[in-house]
PDB file of N, CA and C in Angstrom:
ATOM      1  N   UNK A   1     120.541  75.025 113.700  1.00  0.00           N
ATOM      2  CA  UNK A   1     121.078  74.406 112.517  1.00  0.00           C
ATOM      3  C   UNK A   1     121.357  75.488 111.471  1.00  0.00           C
ATOM      4  N   UNK A   2     122.532  75.490 110.939  1.00  0.00           N
ATOM      5  CA  UNK A   2     122.925  76.440 109.908  1.00  0.00           C
ATOM      6  C   UNK A   2     122.282  76.062 108.574  1.00  0.00           C
ATOM      7  N   UNK A   3     121.844  77.053 107.806  1.00  0.00           N
ATOM      8  CA  UNK A   3     121.317  76.733 106.472  1.00  0.00           C
ATOM      9  C   UNK A   3     122.453  76.271 105.562  1.00  0.00           C
ATOM     10  N   UNK A   4     122.111  75.423 104.616  1.00  0.00           N
ATOM     11  CA  UNK A   4     123.105  75.009 103.627  1.00  0.00           C
ATOM     12  C   UNK A   4     123.409  76.192 102.715  1.00  0.00           C
ATOM     13  N   UNK A   5     124.511  76.093 101.971  1.00  0.00           N
ATOM     14  CA  UNK A   5     124.844  77.158 101.028  1.00  0.00           C
ATOM     15  C   UNK A   5     123.758  77.314  99.966  1.00  0.00           C
ATOM     16  N   UNK A   6     123.164  76.222  99.533  1.00  0.00           N
ATOM     17  CA  UNK A   6     122.083  76.298  98.548  1.00  0.00           C
ATOM     18  C   UNK A   6     120.870  77.020  99.137  1.00  0.00           C
ATOM     19  N   UNK A   7     120.564  76.743 100.396  1.00  0.00           N
ATOM     20  CA  UNK A   7     119.451  77.440 101.051  1.00  0.00           C
ATOM     21  C   UNK A   7     119.758  78.926 101.199  1.00  0.00           C
ATOM     22  N   UNK A   8     120.970  79.248 101.554  1.00  0.00           N
ATOM     23  CA  UNK A   8     121.360  80.656 101.672  1.00  0.00           C
ATOM     24  C   UNK A   8     121.274  81.361 100.323  1.00  0.00           C
ATOM     25  N   UNK A   9     121.644  80.667  99.258  1.00  0.00           N
ATOM     26  CA  UNK A   9     121.539  81.243  97.912  1.00  0.00           C
ATOM     27  C   UNK A   9     120.077  81.536  97.573  1.00  0.00           C
ATOM     28  N   UNK A  10     119.188  80.628  97.934  1.00  0.00           N
ATOM     29  CA  UNK A  10     117.756  80.847  97.691  1.00  0.00           C
ATOM     30  C   UNK A  10     117.239  82.024  98.516  1.00  0.00           C
ATOM     31  N   UNK A  11     117.708  82.130  99.758  1.00  0.00           N
ATOM     32  CA  UNK A  11     117.333  83.266 100.596  1.00  0.00           C
ATOM     33  C   UNK A  11     117.781  84.576  99.955  1.00  0.00           C
ATOM     34  N   UNK A  12     119.010  84.603  99.448  1.00  0.00           N
ATOM     35  CA  UNK A  12     119.522  85.808  98.778  1.00  0.00           C
ATOM     36  C   UNK A  12     118.622  86.194  97.600  1.00  0.00           C
ATOM     37  N   UNK A  13     118.167  85.203  96.847  1.00  0.00           N
ATOM     38  CA  UNK A  13     117.273  85.483  95.725  1.00  0.00           C
ATOM     39  C   UNK A  13     115.979  86.122  96.222  1.00  0.00           C
ATOM     40  N   UNK A  14     115.442  85.611  97.314  1.00  0.00           N
ATOM     41  CA  UNK A  14     114.220  86.179  97.874  1.00  0.00           C
ATOM     42  C   UNK A  14     114.405  87.616  98.318  1.00  0.00           C
ATOM     43  N   UNK A  15     115.541  87.905  98.907  1.00  0.00           N
ATOM     44  CA  UNK A  15     115.847  89.273  99.337  1.00  0.00           C
ATOM     45  C   UNK A  15     115.877  90.206  98.128  1.00  0.00           C
ATOM     46  N   UNK A  16     116.491  89.754  97.048  1.00  0.00           N
ATOM     47  CA  UNK A  16     116.585  90.596  95.845  1.00  0.00           C
ATOM     48  C   UNK A  16     115.198  90.885  95.278  1.00  0.00           C
ATOM     49  N   UNK A  17     114.344  89.861  95.221  1.00  0.00           N
ATOM     50  CA  UNK A  17     112.999  90.071  94.699  1.00  0.00           C
ATOM     51  C   UNK A  17     112.194  91.007  95.590  1.00  0.00           C
ATOM     52  N   UNK A  18     112.312  90.821  96.891  1.00  0.00           N
ATOM     53  CA  UNK A  18     111.603  91.711  97.805  1.00  0.00           C
ATOM     54  C   UNK A  18     112.040  93.147  97.623  1.00  0.00           C
ATOM     55  N   UNK A  19     113.342  93.353  97.490  1.00  0.00           N
ATOM     56  CA  UNK A  19     113.861  94.700  97.270  1.00  0.00           C
ATOM     57  C   UNK A  19     113.349  95.287  95.970  1.00  0.00           C
ATOM     58  N   UNK A  20     113.431  94.500  94.916  1.00  0.00           N
ATOM     59  CA  UNK A  20     113.021  94.991  93.604  1.00  0.00           C
ATOM     60  C   UNK A  20     111.544  95.363  93.606  1.00  0.00           C
ATOM     61  N   UNK A  21     110.715  94.460  94.053  1.00  0.00           N
ATOM     62  CA  UNK A  21     109.282  94.708  93.950  1.00  0.00           C
ATOM     63  C   UNK A  21     108.840  95.857  94.852  1.00  0.00           C
ATOM     64  N   UNK A  22     109.247  95.815  96.094  1.00  0.00           N
ATOM     65  CA  UNK A  22     108.733  96.808  97.036  1.00  0.00           C
ATOM     66  C   UNK A  22     109.399  98.167  96.912  1.00  0.00           C
ATOM     67  N   UNK A  23     110.569  98.208  96.334  1.00  0.00           N
ATOM     68  CA  UNK A  23     111.213  99.498  96.086  1.00  0.00           C
ATOM     69  C   UNK A  23     110.551 100.226  94.926  1.00  0.00           C
ATOM     70  N   UNK A  24     110.103  99.487  93.911  1.00  0.00           N
ATOM     71  CA  UNK A  24     109.627 100.123  92.690  1.00  0.00           C
ATOM     72  C   UNK A  24     108.114 100.065  92.483  1.00  0.00           C
ATOM     73  N   UNK A  25     107.397  99.228  93.210  1.00  0.00           N
ATOM     74  CA  UNK A  25     105.938  99.192  93.073  1.00  0.00           C
ATOM     75  C   UNK A  25     105.387 100.582  93.376  1.00  0.00           C
ATOM     76  N   UNK A  26     104.516 101.055  92.518  1.00  0.00           N
ATOM     77  CA  UNK A  26     103.925 102.374  92.690  1.00  0.00           C
ATOM     78  C   UNK A  26     104.630 103.477  91.932  1.00  0.00           C
ATOM     79  N   UNK A  27     105.791 103.169  91.350  1.00  0.00           N
ATOM     80  CA  UNK A  27     106.523 104.168  90.569  1.00  0.00           C
ATOM     81  C   UNK A  27     105.699 104.562  89.342  1.00  0.00           C
ATOM     82  N   UNK A  28     105.568 105.845  89.055  1.00  0.00           N
ATOM     83  CA  UNK A  28     104.871 106.242  87.832  1.00  0.00           C
ATOM     84  C   UNK A  28     105.624 105.717  86.609  1.00  0.00           C
ATOM     85  N   UNK A  29     104.881 105.107  85.674  1.00  0.00           N
ATOM     86  CA  UNK A  29     105.500 104.539  84.479  1.00  0.00           C
ATOM     87  C   UNK A  29     104.592 104.780  83.278  1.00  0.00           C
ATOM     88  N   UNK A  30     105.225 105.033  82.158  1.00  0.00           N
ATOM     89  CA  UNK A  30     104.523 105.204  80.888  1.00  0.00           C
ATOM     90  C   UNK A  30     105.257 104.372  79.843  1.00  0.00           C
ATOM     91  N   UNK A  31     104.658 104.169  78.701  1.00  0.00           N
ATOM     92  CA  UNK A  31     105.386 103.453  77.648  1.00  0.00           C
ATOM     93  C   UNK A  31     106.714 104.140  77.295  1.00  0.00           C
ATOM     94  N   UNK A  32     106.751 105.461  77.363  1.00  0.00           N
ATOM     95  CA  UNK A  32     107.981 106.187  77.043  1.00  0.00           C
ATOM     96  C   UNK A  32     109.072 106.018  78.095  1.00  0.00           C
ATOM     97  N   UNK A  33     108.692 105.811  79.338  1.00  0.00           N
ATOM     98  CA  UNK A  33     109.694 105.698  80.410  1.00  0.00           C
ATOM     99  C   UNK A  33     109.986 104.256  80.795  1.00  0.00           C
ATOM    100  N   UNK A  34     109.296 103.299  80.201  1.00  0.00           N
ATOM    101  CA  UNK A  34     109.405 101.900  80.613  1.00  0.00           C
ATOM    102  C   UNK A  34     110.832 101.357  80.492  1.00  0.00           C
ATOM    103  N   UNK A  35     111.494 101.621  79.376  1.00  0.00           N
ATOM    104  CA  UNK A  35     112.847 101.076  79.187  1.00  0.00           C
ATOM    105  C   UNK A  35     113.839 101.625  80.203  1.00  0.00           C
ATOM    106  N   UNK A  36     113.787 102.918  80.454  1.00  0.00           N
ATOM    107  CA  UNK A  36     114.747 103.497  81.404  1.00  0.00           C
ATOM    108  C   UNK A  36     114.450 103.034  82.828  1.00  0.00           C
ATOM    109  N   UNK A  37     113.173 102.877  83.157  1.00  0.00           N
ATOM    110  CA  UNK A  37     112.825 102.372  84.488  1.00  0.00           C
ATOM    111  C   UNK A  37     113.276 100.919  84.643  1.00  0.00           C
ATOM    112  N   UNK A  38     113.085 100.102  83.625  1.00  0.00           N
ATOM    113  CA  UNK A  38     113.519  98.701  83.680  1.00  0.00           C
ATOM    114  C   UNK A  38     115.031  98.614  83.885  1.00  0.00           C
ATOM    115  N   UNK A  39     115.791  99.453  83.173  1.00  0.00           N
ATOM    116  CA  UNK A  39     117.252  99.459  83.351  1.00  0.00           C
ATOM    117  C   UNK A  39     117.628  99.878  84.768  1.00  0.00           C
ATOM    118  N   UNK A  40     116.970 100.907  85.283  1.00  0.00           N
ATOM    119  CA  UNK A  40     117.275 101.381  86.637  1.00  0.00           C
ATOM    120  C   UNK A  40     116.969 100.298  87.672  1.00  0.00           C
ATOM    121  N   UNK A  41     115.871  99.592  87.481  1.00  0.00           N
ATOM    122  CA  UNK A  41     115.512  98.518  88.407  1.00  0.00           C
ATOM    123  C   UNK A  41     116.579  97.423  88.393  1.00  0.00           C
ATOM    124  N   UNK A  42     116.945  96.983  87.209  1.00  0.00           N
ATOM    125  CA  UNK A  42     117.945  95.917  87.085  1.00  0.00           C
ATOM    126  C   UNK A  42     119.280  96.346  87.671  1.00  0.00           C
ATOM    127  N   UNK A  43     119.733  97.531  87.322  1.00  0.00           N
ATOM    128  CA  UNK A  43     121.031  97.998  87.802  1.00  0.00           C
ATOM    129  C   UNK A  43     121.052  98.183  89.310  1.00  0.00           C
ATOM    130  N   UNK A  44     119.949  98.613  89.893  1.00  0.00           N
ATOM    131  CA  UNK A  44     119.940  98.806  91.345  1.00  0.00           C
ATOM    132  C   UNK A  44     120.031  97.471  92.080  1.00  0.00           C
ATOM    133  N   UNK A  45     119.357  96.461  91.584  1.00  0.00           N
ATOM    134  CA  UNK A  45     119.392  95.156  92.239  1.00  0.00           C
ATOM    135  C   UNK A  45     120.730  94.463  91.998  1.00  0.00           C
ATOM    136  N   UNK A  46     121.323  94.660  90.819  1.00  0.00           N
ATOM    137  CA  UNK A  46     122.635  94.062  90.539  1.00  0.00           C
ATOM    138  C   UNK A  46     123.720  94.571  91.479  1.00  0.00           C
ATOM    139  N   UNK A  47     123.512  95.698  92.119  1.00  0.00           N
ATOM    140  CA  UNK A  47     124.470  96.212  93.095  1.00  0.00           C
ATOM    141  C   UNK A  47     124.545  95.352  94.347  1.00  0.00           C
ATOM    142  N   UNK A  48     123.532  94.576  94.623  1.00  0.00           N
ATOM    143  CA  UNK A  48     123.476  93.802  95.858  1.00  0.00           C
ATOM    144  C   UNK A  48     124.422  92.597  95.799  1.00  0.00           C
ATOM    145  N   UNK A  49     124.902  92.176  96.963  1.00  0.00           N
ATOM    146  CA  UNK A  49     125.835  91.047  97.010  1.00  0.00           C
ATOM    147  C   UNK A  49     125.253  89.777  96.387  1.00  0.00           C
ATOM    148  N   UNK A  50     126.112  89.026  95.729  1.00  0.00           N
ATOM    149  CA  UNK A  50     125.806  87.712  95.154  1.00  0.00           C
ATOM    150  C   UNK A  50     124.891  87.765  93.949  1.00  0.00           C
ATOM    151  N   UNK A  51     124.523  88.938  93.502  1.00  0.00           N
ATOM    152  CA  UNK A  51     123.619  89.070  92.365  1.00  0.00           C
ATOM    153  C   UNK A  51     124.446  89.104  91.082  1.00  0.00           C
ATOM    154  N   UNK A  52     124.270  88.100  90.247  1.00  0.00           N
ATOM    155  CA  UNK A  52     125.039  87.984  89.008  1.00  0.00           C
ATOM    156  C   UNK A  52     124.357  88.653  87.823  1.00  0.00           C
ATOM    157  N   UNK A  53     123.031  88.570  87.756  1.00  0.00           N
ATOM    158  CA  UNK A  53     122.327  89.145  86.613  1.00  0.00           C
ATOM    159  C   UNK A  53     120.870  89.385  86.978  1.00  0.00           C
ATOM    160  N   UNK A  54     120.346  90.473  86.455  1.00  0.00           N
ATOM    161  CA  UNK A  54     118.932  90.813  86.619  1.00  0.00           C
ATOM    162  C   UNK A  54     118.408  91.251  85.262  1.00  0.00           C
ATOM    163  N   UNK A  55     117.291  90.686  84.873  1.00  0.00           N
ATOM    164  CA  UNK A  55     116.625  91.100  83.647  1.00  0.00           C
ATOM    165  C   UNK A  55     115.233  91.570  84.025  1.00  0.00           C
ATOM    166  N   UNK A  56     114.936  92.811  83.701  1.00  0.00           N
ATOM    167  CA  UNK A  56     113.615  93.381  83.967  1.00  0.00           C
ATOM    168  C   UNK A  56     113.021  93.806  82.648  1.00  0.00           C
ATOM    169  N   UNK A  57     111.842  93.301  82.373  1.00  0.00           N
ATOM    170  CA  UNK A  57     111.102  93.752  81.199  1.00  0.00           C
ATOM    171  C   UNK A  57     109.781  94.328  81.684  1.00  0.00           C
ATOM    172  N   UNK A  58     109.526  95.570  81.318  1.00  0.00           N
ATOM    173  CA  UNK A  58     108.222  96.165  81.571  1.00  0.00           C
ATOM    174  C   UNK A  58     107.390  95.898  80.327  1.00  0.00           C
ATOM    175  N   UNK A  59     106.288  95.231  80.521  1.00  0.00           N
ATOM    176  CA  UNK A  59     105.451  94.775  79.422  1.00  0.00           C
ATOM    177  C   UNK A  59     104.666  95.959  78.853  1.00  0.00           C
ATOM    178  N   UNK A  60     105.254  96.603  77.857  1.00  0.00           N
ATOM    179  CA  UNK A  60     104.675  97.844  77.342  1.00  0.00           C
ATOM    180  C   UNK A  60     103.320  97.635  76.674  1.00  0.00           C
ATOM    181  N   UNK A  61     103.100  96.485  76.058  1.00  0.00           N
ATOM    182  CA  UNK A  61     101.778  96.246  75.462  1.00  0.00           C
ATOM    183  C   UNK A  61     100.706  96.199  76.545  1.00  0.00           C
ATOM    184  N   UNK A  62     101.012  95.552  77.649  1.00  0.00           N
ATOM    185  CA  UNK A  62     100.076  95.506  78.783  1.00  0.00           C
ATOM    186  C   UNK A  62      99.888  96.902  79.362  1.00  0.00           C
ATOM    187  N   UNK A  63     100.953  97.650  79.446  1.00  0.00           N
ATOM    188  CA  UNK A  63     100.905  99.024  79.929  1.00  0.00           C
ATOM    189  C   UNK A  63     100.020  99.884  79.022  1.00  0.00           C
ATOM    190  N   UNK A  64     100.210  99.756  77.732  1.00  0.00           N
ATOM    191  CA  UNK A  64      99.402 100.522  76.776  1.00  0.00           C
ATOM    192  C   UNK A  64      97.923 100.161  76.872  1.00  0.00           C
ATOM    193  N   UNK A  65      97.613  98.877  77.069  1.00  0.00           N
ATOM    194  CA  UNK A  65      96.212  98.470  77.233  1.00  0.00           C
ATOM    195  C   UNK A  65      95.611  99.111  78.484  1.00  0.00           C
ATOM    196  N   UNK A  66      96.388  99.151  79.558  1.00  0.00           N
ATOM    197  CA  UNK A  66      95.897  99.728  80.808  1.00  0.00           C
ATOM    198  C   UNK A  66      95.658 101.223  80.675  1.00  0.00           C
ATOM    199  N   UNK A  67      96.443 101.880  79.851  1.00  0.00           N
ATOM    200  CA  UNK A  67      96.320 103.331  79.686  1.00  0.00           C
ATOM    201  C   UNK A  67      95.284 103.737  78.646  1.00  0.00           C
ATOM    202  N   UNK A  68      94.878 102.805  77.807  1.00  0.00           N
ATOM    203  CA  UNK A  68      94.007 103.131  76.671  1.00  0.00           C
ATOM    204  C   UNK A  68      92.711 103.818  77.091  1.00  0.00           C
ATOM    205  N   UNK A  69      92.122 103.405  78.172  1.00  0.00           N
ATOM    206  CA  UNK A  69      90.836 103.968  78.583  1.00  0.00           C
ATOM    207  C   UNK A  69      90.959 104.974  79.720  1.00  0.00           C
ATOM    208  N   UNK A  70      92.173 105.233  80.155  1.00  0.00           N
ATOM    209  CA  UNK A  70      92.362 106.112  81.307  1.00  0.00           C
ATOM    210  C   UNK A  70      92.599 107.563  80.920  1.00  0.00           C
ATOM    211  N   UNK A  71      92.517 108.437  81.890  1.00  0.00           N
ATOM    212  CA  UNK A  71      92.682 109.872  81.637  1.00  0.00           C
ATOM    213  C   UNK A  71      94.139 110.339  81.597  1.00  0.00           C
ATOM    214  N   UNK A  72      95.078 109.485  82.033  1.00  0.00           N
ATOM    215  CA  UNK A  72      96.479 109.915  82.142  1.00  0.00           C
ATOM    216  C   UNK A  72      97.346 109.163  81.140  1.00  0.00           C
ATOM    217  N   UNK A  73      98.562 109.663  80.947  1.00  0.00           N
ATOM    218  CA  UNK A  73      99.535 109.036  80.050  1.00  0.00           C
ATOM    219  C   UNK A  73     100.503 108.124  80.807  1.00  0.00           C
ATOM    220  N   UNK A  74     100.232 107.890  82.085  1.00  0.00           N
ATOM    221  CA  UNK A  74     101.080 107.020  82.903  1.00  0.00           C
ATOM    222  C   UNK A  74     100.198 106.303  83.906  1.00  0.00           C
ATOM    223  N   UNK A  75     100.777 105.302  84.556  1.00  0.00           N
ATOM    224  CA  UNK A  75     100.098 104.588  85.633  1.00  0.00           C
ATOM    225  C   UNK A  75     101.132 104.161  86.657  1.00  0.00           C
ATOM    226  N   UNK A  76     100.689 103.487  87.703  1.00  0.00           N
ATOM    227  CA  UNK A  76     101.601 102.972  88.713  1.00  0.00           C
ATOM    228  C   UNK A  76     102.160 101.629  88.270  1.00  0.00           C
ATOM    229  N   UNK A  77     103.439 101.420  88.520  1.00  0.00           N
ATOM    230  CA  UNK A  77     104.058 100.131  88.234  1.00  0.00           C
ATOM    231  C   UNK A  77     103.539  99.089  89.225  1.00  0.00           C
ATOM    232  N   UNK A  78     103.052  97.988  88.686  1.00  0.00           N
ATOM    233  CA  UNK A  78     102.627  96.843  89.502  1.00  0.00           C
ATOM    234  C   UNK A  78     103.192  95.583  88.863  1.00  0.00           C
ATOM    235  N   UNK A  79     103.028  94.472  89.536  1.00  0.00           N
ATOM    236  CA  UNK A  79     103.523  93.206  89.033  1.00  0.00           C
ATOM    237  C   UNK A  79     102.941  92.800  87.701  1.00  0.00           C
ATOM    238  N   UNK A  80     101.739  93.257  87.397  1.00  0.00           N
ATOM    239  CA  UNK A  80     101.124  92.853  86.121  1.00  0.00           C
ATOM    240  C   UNK A  80     101.884  93.385  84.917  1.00  0.00           C
ATOM    241  N   UNK A  81     102.732  94.382  85.125  1.00  0.00           N
ATOM    242  CA  UNK A  81     103.509  94.961  84.031  1.00  0.00           C
ATOM    243  C   UNK A  81     104.947  94.436  83.981  1.00  0.00           C
ATOM    244  N   UNK A  82     105.297  93.491  84.849  1.00  0.00           N
ATOM    245  CA  UNK A  82     106.694  93.074  84.979  1.00  0.00           C
ATOM    246  C   UNK A  82     106.930  91.620  84.612  1.00  0.00           C
ATOM    247  N   UNK A  83     108.056  91.395  83.990  1.00  0.00           N
ATOM    248  CA  UNK A  83     108.607  90.058  83.772  1.00  0.00           C
ATOM    249  C   UNK A  83     110.064  90.174  84.216  1.00  0.00           C
ATOM    250  N   UNK A  84     110.438  89.456  85.266  1.00  0.00           N
ATOM    251  CA  UNK A  84     111.751  89.635  85.891  1.00  0.00           C
ATOM    252  C   UNK A  84     112.438  88.292  86.069  1.00  0.00           C
ATOM    253  N   UNK A  85     113.736  88.272  85.795  1.00  0.00           N
ATOM    254  CA  UNK A  85     114.572  87.116  86.090  1.00  0.00           C
ATOM    255  C   UNK A  85     115.785  87.603  86.884  1.00  0.00           C
ATOM    256  N   UNK A  86     116.161  86.825  87.889  1.00  0.00           N
ATOM    257  CA  UNK A  86     117.331  87.147  88.713  1.00  0.00           C
ATOM    258  C   UNK A  86     118.177  85.896  88.846  1.00  0.00           C
ATOM    259  N   UNK A  87     119.503  86.065  88.717  1.00  0.00           N
ATOM    260  CA  UNK A  87     120.440  84.958  88.915  1.00  0.00           C
ATOM    261  C   UNK A  87     121.388  85.316  90.051  1.00  0.00           C
ATOM    262  N   UNK A  88     121.467  84.420  91.014  1.00  0.00           N
ATOM    263  CA  UNK A  88     122.308  84.589  92.201  1.00  0.00           C
ATOM    264  C   UNK A  88     123.424  83.551  92.156  1.00  0.00           C
ATOM    265  N   UNK A  89     124.628  83.949  92.543  1.00  0.00           N
ATOM    266  CA  UNK A  89     125.728  83.003  92.697  1.00  0.00           C
ATOM    267  C   UNK A  89     126.239  83.146  94.126  1.00  0.00           C
ATOM    268  N   UNK A  90     126.109  82.075  94.881  1.00  0.00           N
ATOM    269  CA  UNK A  90     126.502  82.097  96.289  1.00  0.00           C
ATOM    270  C   UNK A  90     127.246  80.814  96.626  1.00  0.00           C
ATOM    271  N   UNK A  91     128.515  80.949  96.966  1.00  0.00           N
ATOM    272  CA  UNK A  91     129.329  79.814  97.408  1.00  0.00           C
ATOM    273  C   UNK A  91     129.208  78.616  96.466  1.00  0.00           C
ATOM    274  N   UNK A  92     129.300  78.872  95.179  1.00  0.00           N
ATOM    275  CA  UNK A  92     129.266  77.799  94.197  1.00  0.00           C
ATOM    276  C   UNK A  92     127.880  77.325  93.799  1.00  0.00           C
ATOM    277  N   UNK A  93     126.858  77.965  94.303  1.00  0.00           N
ATOM    278  CA  UNK A  93     125.478  77.614  93.956  1.00  0.00           C
ATOM    279  C   UNK A  93     124.878  78.743  93.123  1.00  0.00           C
ATOM    280  N   UNK A  94     124.308  78.373  91.995  1.00  0.00           N
ATOM    281  CA  UNK A  94     123.640  79.337  91.131  1.00  0.00           C
ATOM    282  C   UNK A  94     122.141  79.115  91.248  1.00  0.00           C
ATOM    283  N   UNK A  95     121.448  80.181  91.561  1.00  0.00           N
ATOM    284  CA  UNK A  95     119.999  80.140  91.706  1.00  0.00           C
ATOM    285  C   UNK A  95     119.394  81.033  90.636  1.00  0.00           C
ATOM    286  N   UNK A  96     118.472  80.473  89.866  1.00  0.00           N
ATOM    287  CA  UNK A  96     117.724  81.256  88.878  1.00  0.00           C
ATOM    288  C   UNK A  96     116.293  81.387  89.363  1.00  0.00           C
ATOM    289  N   UNK A  97     115.794  82.614  89.321  1.00  0.00           N
ATOM    290  CA  UNK A  97     114.438  82.896  89.776  1.00  0.00           C
ATOM    291  C   UNK A  97     113.703  83.694  88.710  1.00  0.00           C
ATOM    292  N   UNK A  98     112.389  83.701  88.829  1.00  0.00           N
ATOM    293  CA  UNK A  98     111.572  84.391  87.842  1.00  0.00           C
ATOM    294  C   UNK A  98     110.317  84.923  88.528  1.00  0.00           C
ATOM    295  N   UNK A  99     109.877  86.079  88.077  1.00  0.00           N
ATOM    296  CA  UNK A  99     108.603  86.626  88.520  1.00  0.00           C
ATOM    297  C   UNK A  99     107.743  86.847  87.298  1.00  0.00           C
ATOM    298  N   UNK A 100     106.514  86.351  87.382  1.00  0.00           N
ATOM    299  CA  UNK A 100     105.545  86.573  86.324  1.00  0.00           C
ATOM    300  C   UNK A 100     104.152  86.444  86.935  1.00  0.00           C
ATOM    301  N   UNK A 101     103.189  86.939  86.235  1.00  0.00           N
ATOM    302  CA  UNK A 101     101.821  86.900  86.734  1.00  0.00           C
ATOM    303  C   UNK A 101     101.267  85.477  86.654  1.00  0.00           C
ATOM    304  N   UNK A 102     100.573  85.097  87.695  1.00  0.00           N
ATOM    305  CA  UNK A 102      99.853  83.829  87.711  1.00  0.00           C
ATOM    306  C   UNK A 102      98.553  84.055  88.469  1.00  0.00           C
ATOM    307  N   UNK A 103      97.455  83.854  87.773  1.00  0.00           N
ATOM    308  CA  UNK A 103      96.123  84.059  88.361  1.00  0.00           C
ATOM    309  C   UNK A 103      95.975  85.450  88.974  1.00  0.00           C
ATOM    310  N   UNK A 104      96.513  86.462  88.277  1.00  0.00           N
ATOM    311  CA  UNK A 104      96.376  87.842  88.730  1.00  0.00           C
ATOM    312  C   UNK A 104      97.321  88.256  89.835  1.00  0.00           C
ATOM    313  N   UNK A 105      98.297  87.419  90.147  1.00  0.00           N
ATOM    314  CA  UNK A 105      99.229  87.707  91.243  1.00  0.00           C
ATOM    315  C   UNK A 105     100.657  87.626  90.726  1.00  0.00           C
ATOM    316  N   UNK A 106     101.529  88.580  91.109  1.00  0.00           N
ATOM    317  CA  UNK A 106     102.930  88.518  90.683  1.00  0.00           C
ATOM    318  C   UNK A 106     103.684  87.468  91.499  1.00  0.00           C
ATOM    319  N   UNK A 107     103.803  86.282  90.938  1.00  0.00           N
ATOM    320  CA  UNK A 107     104.410  85.155  91.639  1.00  0.00           C
ATOM    321  C   UNK A 107     105.914  85.127  91.393  1.00  0.00           C
ATOM    322  N   UNK A 108     106.670  85.047  92.476  1.00  0.00           N
ATOM    323  CA  UNK A 108     108.120  84.964  92.414  1.00  0.00           C
ATOM    324  C   UNK A 108     108.493  83.537  92.774  1.00  0.00           C
ATOM    325  N   UNK A 109     109.265  82.870  91.904  1.00  0.00           N
ATOM    326  CA  UNK A 109     109.556  81.461  92.133  1.00  0.00           C
ATOM    327  C   UNK A 109     110.982  81.092  91.761  1.00  0.00           C
ATOM    328  N   UNK A 110     111.439  80.013  92.381  1.00  0.00           N
ATOM    329  CA  UNK A 110     112.715  79.422  91.998  1.00  0.00           C
ATOM    330  C   UNK A 110     112.522  78.669  90.700  1.00  0.00           C
ATOM    331  N   UNK A 111     113.430  78.881  89.768  1.00  0.00           N
ATOM    332  CA  UNK A 111     113.402  78.138  88.503  1.00  0.00           C
ATOM    333  C   UNK A 111     114.384  76.979  88.578  1.00  0.00           C
ATOM    334  N   UNK A 112     115.563  77.248  89.158  1.00  0.00           N
ATOM    335  CA  UNK A 112     116.607  76.237  89.151  1.00  0.00           C
ATOM    336  C   UNK A 112     117.627  76.555  90.238  1.00  0.00           C
ATOM    337  N   UNK A 113     118.173  75.521  90.855  1.00  0.00           N
ATOM    338  CA  UNK A 113     119.275  75.652  91.812  1.00  0.00           C
ATOM    339  C   UNK A 113     120.347  74.675  91.393  1.00  0.00           C
ATOM    340  N   UNK A 114     121.533  75.192  91.039  1.00  0.00           N
ATOM    341  CA  UNK A 114     122.664  74.355  90.614  1.00  0.00           C
ATOM    342  C   UNK A 114     123.781  74.432  91.639  1.00  0.00           C
ATOM    343  N   UNK A 115     124.574  73.384  91.659  1.00  0.00           N
ATOM    344  CA  UNK A 115     125.773  73.402  92.479  1.00  0.00           C
ATOM    345  C   UNK A 115     125.693  72.546  93.644  1.00  0.00           C
TER     346      UNK A 115
END
């Protein structure tokens, strides 16, 4: 059975999130580099097919709290520092997705499927 176009759009969203998270998790990040890293993440994922928009925010206040007691001026990028939204347009279906922390885990979820 072939997936519906809406199902394929949701699959595309999952692929984008997997790429974003696993490509950049572990990247050294500091409050000074957060904005440029967020832009690079968004722009790299926007290159993928069917991707209409990506918004990446690195939560600098959370980053600063994590660095406050540590010996270094940077740390590894993890989901706890990210707030991400991705919009996919596939065959007339628009899928909005979001990643945010829930119970200590970076949860990626569908927000809305139109079309």
